[in-house]
Amino acid sequence: MVFELIVFGVILLAVGYWATMFVMGRRDDVLHGKFVEDQPDAEPVRFMPHVPRVRPAPAVPQQSGDSLQALLTVIKQDLHDAARS
């Protein structure tokens, strides 16, 4: 029983391979059982190295000394209020 299943599986794989090659258009492979070699191109293939694209860093606005001092004052007040509660 197992031997018959193995033989049936091999036949099923062969039919599946044949059908795949036929659908893909490799009819010479299906009919003659040999692979067809592609014809070489007339132009040589040029190698283009992959260059990753670099995004420019977003521009950070320059802060003046007054705005930084005001921010520092607000943070100190928030810390002072948080320490009281």
C-alpha atoms as a PDB file:
ATOM      1  CA  MET A   1       0.000   0.000   0.000  1.00  0.00           C
ATOM      2  CA  VAL A   2       2.796   2.436   0.915  1.00  0.00           C
ATOM      3  CA  PHE A   3       4.760   1.541  -2.211  1.00  0.00           C
ATOM      4  CA  GLU A   4       1.744   2.351  -4.395  1.00  0.00           C
ATOM      5  CA  LEU A   5       1.372   5.738  -2.652  1.00  0.00           C
ATOM      6  CA  ILE A   6       5.040   6.550  -3.263  1.00  0.00           C
ATOM      7  CA  VAL A   7       4.772   5.630  -6.965  1.00  0.00           C
ATOM      8  CA  PHE A   8       1.571   7.655  -7.278  1.00  0.00           C
ATOM      9  CA  GLY A   9       3.264  10.643  -5.574  1.00  0.00           C
ATOM     10  CA  VAL A  10       6.250  10.531  -7.951  1.00  0.00           C
ATOM     11  CA  ILE A  11       3.931  10.370 -10.965  1.00  0.00           C
ATOM     12  CA  LEU A  12       1.903  13.268  -9.554  1.00  0.00           C
ATOM     13  CA  LEU A  13       5.079  15.343  -9.088  1.00  0.00           C
ATOM     14  CA  ALA A  14       6.178  14.608 -12.671  1.00  0.00           C
ATOM     15  CA  VAL A  15       2.801  15.652 -14.066  1.00  0.00           C
ATOM     16  CA  GLY A  16       2.858  18.801 -11.930  1.00  0.00           C
ATOM     17  CA  TYR A  17       6.353  19.682 -13.174  1.00  0.00           C
ATOM     18  CA  TRP A  18       5.319  19.092 -16.773  1.00  0.00           C
ATOM     19  CA  ALA A  19       2.204  21.259 -16.380  1.00  0.00           C
ATOM     20  CA  THR A  20       4.197  24.058 -14.731  1.00  0.00           C
ATOM     21  CA  MET A  21       6.799  24.099 -17.494  1.00  0.00           C
ATOM     22  CA  PHE A  22       4.086  24.025 -20.147  1.00  0.00           C
ATOM     23  CA  VAL A  23       2.191  26.945 -18.588  1.00  0.00           C
ATOM     24  CA  MET A  24       5.411  28.953 -18.173  1.00  0.00           C
ATOM     25  CA  GLY A  25       6.099  28.654 -21.884  1.00  0.00           C
ATOM     26  CA  ARG A  26       9.100  26.325 -21.617  1.00  0.00           C
ATOM     27  CA  ARG A  27       7.567  23.953 -24.133  1.00  0.00           C
ATOM     28  CA  ASP A  28      10.955  22.875 -25.475  1.00  0.00           C
ATOM     29  CA  ASP A  29      11.848  21.632 -22.001  1.00  0.00           C
ATOM     30  CA  VAL A  30       8.551  19.780 -21.749  1.00  0.00           C
ATOM     31  CA  LEU A  31       8.738  18.165 -25.171  1.00  0.00           C
ATOM     32  CA  HIS A  32      12.434  17.311 -25.379  1.00  0.00           C
ATOM     33  CA  GLY A  33      13.410  17.042 -21.731  1.00  0.00           C
ATOM     34  CA  LYS A  34      16.404  19.352 -22.045  1.00  0.00           C
ATOM     35  CA  PHE A  35      16.878  22.919 -20.936  1.00  0.00           C
ATOM     36  CA  VAL A  36      17.125  25.649 -23.533  1.00  0.00           C
ATOM     37  CA  GLU A  37      19.987  28.063 -23.017  1.00  0.00           C
ATOM     38  CA  ASP A  38      19.271  31.765 -23.338  1.00  0.00           C
ATOM     39  CA  GLN A  39      21.026  33.675 -26.065  1.00  0.00           C
ATOM     40  CA  PRO A  40      23.571  36.143 -24.708  1.00  0.00           C
ATOM     41  CA  ASP A  41      22.677  39.822 -25.006  1.00  0.00           C
ATOM     42  CA  ALA A  42      24.507  41.956 -27.537  1.00  0.00           C
ATOM     43  CA  GLU A  43      25.246  44.685 -24.973  1.00  0.00           C
ATOM     44  CA  PRO A  44      27.309  43.991 -21.861  1.00  0.00           C
ATOM     45  CA  VAL A  45      25.527  44.322 -18.558  1.00  0.00           C
ATOM     46  CA  ARG A  46      26.567  47.404 -16.635  1.00  0.00           C
ATOM     47  CA  PHE A  47      26.921  47.066 -12.903  1.00  0.00           C
ATOM     48  CA  MET A  48      25.221  49.844 -10.953  1.00  0.00           C
ATOM     49  CA  PRO A  49      26.123  49.792  -7.253  1.00  0.00           C
ATOM     50  CA  HIS A  50      23.265  50.382  -4.856  1.00  0.00           C
ATOM     51  CA  VAL A  51      23.601  53.809  -3.306  1.00  0.00           C
ATOM     52  CA  PRO A  52      21.263  54.384  -0.381  1.00  0.00           C
ATOM     53  CA  ARG A  53      19.372  57.618  -0.486  1.00  0.00           C
ATOM     54  CA  VAL A  54      20.190  59.947   2.348  1.00  0.00           C
ATOM     55  CA  ARG A  55      17.465  62.160   3.671  1.00  0.00           C
ATOM     56  CA  PRO A  56      18.546  65.605   4.758  1.00  0.00           C
ATOM     57  CA  ALA A  57      18.219  66.143   8.484  1.00  0.00           C
ATOM     58  CA  PRO A  58      15.287  68.344   9.440  1.00  0.00           C
ATOM     59  CA  ALA A  59      16.375  71.873  10.124  1.00  0.00           C
ATOM     60  CA  VAL A  60      16.360  72.635  13.834  1.00  0.00           C
ATOM     61  CA  PRO A  61      15.518  76.265  14.481  1.00  0.00           C
ATOM     62  CA  GLN A  62      18.240  78.103  16.335  1.00  0.00           C
ATOM     63  CA  GLN A  63      17.012  79.232  19.713  1.00  0.00           C
ATOM     64  CA  SER A  64      18.073  82.496  21.112  1.00  0.00           C
ATOM     65  CA  GLY A  65      19.440  82.890  24.623  1.00  0.00           C
ATOM     66  CA  ASP A  66      16.296  84.690  25.790  1.00  0.00           C
ATOM     67  CA  SER A  67      13.944  81.864  24.781  1.00  0.00           C
ATOM     68  CA  LEU A  68      16.199  79.281  26.443  1.00  0.00           C
ATOM     69  CA  GLN A  69      16.332  81.354  29.612  1.00  0.00           C
ATOM     70  CA  ALA A  70      12.519  81.638  29.615  1.00  0.00           C
ATOM     71  CA  LEU A  71      12.203  77.875  29.155  1.00  0.00           C
ATOM     72  CA  LEU A  72      14.605  77.256  32.029  1.00  0.00           C
ATOM     73  CA  THR A  73      12.568  79.587  34.246  1.00  0.00           C
ATOM     74  CA  VAL A  74       9.317  77.765  33.405  1.00  0.00           C
ATOM     75  CA  ILE A  75      10.911  74.380  34.153  1.00  0.00           C
ATOM     76  CA  LYS A  76      12.216  75.650  37.507  1.00  0.00           C
ATOM     77  CA  GLN A  77       8.754  76.928  38.416  1.00  0.00           C
ATOM     78  CA  ASP A  78       7.147  73.596  37.481  1.00  0.00           C
ATOM     79  CA  LEU A  79       9.688  71.699  39.578  1.00  0.00           C
ATOM     80  CA  HIS A  80       9.155  74.072  42.487  1.00  0.00           C
ATOM     81  CA  ASP A  81       5.354  73.643  42.258  1.00  0.00           C
ATOM     82  CA  ALA A  82       5.705  69.844  42.009  1.00  0.00           C
ATOM     83  CA  ALA A  83       7.932  69.805  45.104  1.00  0.00           C
ATOM     84  CA  ARG A  84       5.291  71.694  47.124  1.00  0.00           C
ATOM     85  CA  SER A  85       2.478  69.262  46.325  1.00  0.00           C
END
